[in-house]
Amino acid sequence: MSKTLFETDRQKFVRLSVDARAYHRRAELFAEQEQSPGLVFNVASIAVESYLIALCAWYGSMPFNHNYTSLMDTAEEVMQFDPVLSHDIRALDEIFGICSLDDYHHGTPMAQDAVGIVAICRSLSTILTGLESQHIPFT
């Protein structure tokens, strides 16, 4: 199967939706197995990123940067988020600022951070499922 250099928004949405759900599921399993908070957090953080980029792809708007603030800035240009969810996602940059060239850092996630990011994944999954159920064509 040949791969094209560029994906359509629909292809990107489908690919990232699958990825997000897979990483989310793995984070849930690691949490159930009482793995370290850092492992749960790191896997869930990939899910959050994938969920947000998939949501942006749904609306045909791609973020310029993949830190959580930039992802939310782009996502909130195309759809409304619960203010608490938006705040919680943006706050992830305080722990996990690996996409910043100016302020690279990777903190040590605590148990409450792992619980919080898995809850964020659940919220984003619900949003994604809601969009998919609308069957609205891509822009």
Protein backbone atom coordinates (compact mmCIF):
# COMPACT_ATOMS: atom_id res chain seq x y z
CA MET A 1 0.00 0.00 0.00
CA SER A 2 1.48 3.34 -0.98
CA LYS A 3 1.35 6.29 1.36
CA THR A 4 0.73 9.79 0.10
CA LEU A 5 2.84 12.64 1.35
CA PHE A 6 -0.20 14.63 2.45
CA GLU A 7 -3.32 13.42 4.16
CA THR A 8 -6.76 14.87 3.68
CA ASP A 9 -8.43 16.25 6.78
CA ARG A 10 -10.68 13.19 6.77
CA GLN A 11 -7.71 10.79 6.59
CA LYS A 12 -5.95 12.68 9.38
CA PHE A 13 -9.10 12.65 11.51
CA VAL A 14 -9.59 8.91 11.08
CA ARG A 15 -5.92 8.07 11.74
CA LEU A 16 -5.65 10.29 14.80
CA SER A 17 -9.00 9.13 16.19
CA VAL A 18 -7.77 5.54 16.09
CA ASP A 19 -4.44 6.55 17.62
CA ALA A 20 -6.08 8.64 20.36
CA ARG A 21 -8.41 5.85 21.37
CA ALA A 22 -5.56 3.31 21.40
CA TYR A 23 -3.31 5.46 23.60
CA HIS A 24 -6.28 6.35 25.80
CA ARG A 25 -7.17 2.68 26.26
CA ARG A 26 -3.56 1.82 27.07
CA ALA A 27 -3.41 4.62 29.66
CA GLU A 28 -6.62 3.30 31.23
CA LEU A 29 -5.13 -0.22 31.36
CA PHE A 30 -1.91 1.05 32.91
CA ALA A 31 -3.94 2.94 35.53
CA GLU A 32 -5.99 -0.20 36.30
CA GLN A 33 -2.72 -2.14 36.66
CA GLU A 34 -1.47 0.55 39.06
CA GLN A 35 1.53 1.35 36.89
CA SER A 36 3.54 4.46 37.76
CA PRO A 37 1.80 7.82 37.45
CA GLY A 38 4.52 8.91 35.01
CA LEU A 39 3.79 6.02 32.65
CA VAL A 40 0.02 6.60 32.78
CA PHE A 41 0.50 10.34 32.30
CA ASN A 42 2.92 10.02 29.39
CA VAL A 43 0.75 7.58 27.47
CA ALA A 44 -2.40 9.61 28.16
CA SER A 45 -0.64 12.78 27.05
CA ILE A 46 -0.17 11.27 23.59
CA ALA A 47 -3.88 10.45 23.57
CA VAL A 48 -4.78 14.04 24.49
CA GLU A 49 -2.57 15.40 21.72
CA SER A 50 -4.06 12.97 19.19
CA TYR A 51 -7.62 13.73 20.28
CA LEU A 52 -7.07 17.48 19.93
CA ILE A 53 -5.42 17.22 16.52
CA ALA A 54 -8.23 14.90 15.35
CA LEU A 55 -10.80 17.46 16.51
CA CYS A 56 -8.94 20.18 14.63
CA ALA A 57 -8.77 17.98 11.52
CA TRP A 58 -12.55 17.48 11.71
CA TYR A 59 -12.88 21.23 11.18
CA GLY A 60 -9.97 21.55 8.75
CA SER A 61 -7.83 23.66 11.06
CA MET A 62 -4.34 22.51 12.02
CA PRO A 63 -2.35 23.82 14.99
CA PHE A 64 1.09 25.34 14.42
CA ASN A 65 2.54 23.83 17.57
CA HIS A 66 1.71 20.75 19.59
CA ASN A 67 2.02 22.08 23.11
CA TYR A 68 -1.32 21.98 24.89
CA THR A 69 -1.88 25.73 24.86
CA SER A 70 -1.39 25.92 21.09
CA LEU A 71 -3.56 22.86 20.53
CA MET A 72 -6.35 24.41 22.62
CA ASP A 73 -5.98 27.80 20.93
CA THR A 74 -6.61 26.14 17.57
CA ALA A 75 -9.34 23.82 18.84
CA GLU A 76 -11.19 26.70 20.48
CA GLU A 77 -11.14 28.63 17.21
CA VAL A 78 -13.39 25.97 15.70
CA MET A 79 -15.49 24.70 18.61
CA GLN A 80 -16.50 25.55 22.16
CA PHE A 81 -15.02 23.71 25.12
CA ASP A 82 -16.13 23.56 28.69
CA PRO A 83 -14.00 26.22 30.44
CA VAL A 84 -12.84 23.76 33.11
CA LEU A 85 -11.75 21.22 30.48
CA SER A 86 -9.94 23.94 28.53
CA HIS A 87 -8.14 25.07 31.69
CA ASP A 88 -7.20 21.52 32.66
CA ILE A 89 -5.76 20.77 29.21
CA ARG A 90 -3.80 24.03 29.11
CA ALA A 91 -2.43 23.29 32.59
CA LEU A 92 -0.77 20.15 31.22
CA ASP A 93 1.96 22.41 29.80
CA GLU A 94 3.06 23.05 33.39
CA ILE A 95 4.03 19.38 33.71
CA PHE A 96 4.77 18.40 30.16
CA GLY A 97 6.30 21.25 28.16
CA ILE A 98 8.31 19.11 25.74
CA CYS A 99 7.04 20.84 22.59
CA SER A 100 8.38 24.22 23.60
CA LEU A 101 11.69 25.31 22.11
CA ASP A 102 11.95 28.17 24.58
CA ASP A 103 10.84 26.43 27.77
CA TYR A 104 11.43 22.68 27.37
CA HIS A 105 10.67 20.79 30.56
CA HIS A 106 9.27 17.48 31.69
CA GLY A 107 8.10 17.40 35.27
CA THR A 108 7.38 14.37 37.37
CA PRO A 109 3.66 13.56 37.22
CA MET A 110 2.06 12.65 40.52
CA ALA A 111 -0.87 10.26 41.05
CA GLN A 112 -3.43 13.09 40.82
CA ASP A 113 -1.89 14.18 37.50
CA ALA A 114 -2.36 10.68 36.08
CA VAL A 115 -5.97 10.56 37.28
CA GLY A 116 -6.61 14.04 35.86
CA ILE A 117 -5.22 13.37 32.40
CA VAL A 118 -7.18 10.12 32.08
CA ALA A 119 -10.32 12.11 32.92
CA ILE A 120 -9.35 14.60 30.20
CA CYS A 121 -9.04 11.71 27.76
CA ARG A 122 -12.55 10.55 28.66
CA SER A 123 -13.96 14.03 28.06
CA LEU A 124 -12.20 14.36 24.70
CA SER A 125 -13.38 10.90 23.68
CA THR A 126 -16.96 11.93 24.40
CA ILE A 127 -16.57 15.07 22.28
CA LEU A 128 -15.07 13.08 19.41
CA THR A 129 -17.85 10.48 19.57
CA GLY A 130 -20.42 13.28 19.49
CA LEU A 131 -18.89 14.72 16.33
CA GLU A 132 -18.73 11.34 14.65
CA SER A 133 -22.40 10.70 15.40
CA GLN A 134 -23.39 13.91 13.55
CA HIS A 135 -22.11 12.56 10.22
CA ILE A 136 -21.37 16.10 9.06
CA PRO A 137 -19.17 16.19 5.96
CA PHE A 138 -15.66 17.52 6.29
CA THR A 139 -14.98 21.14 5.43
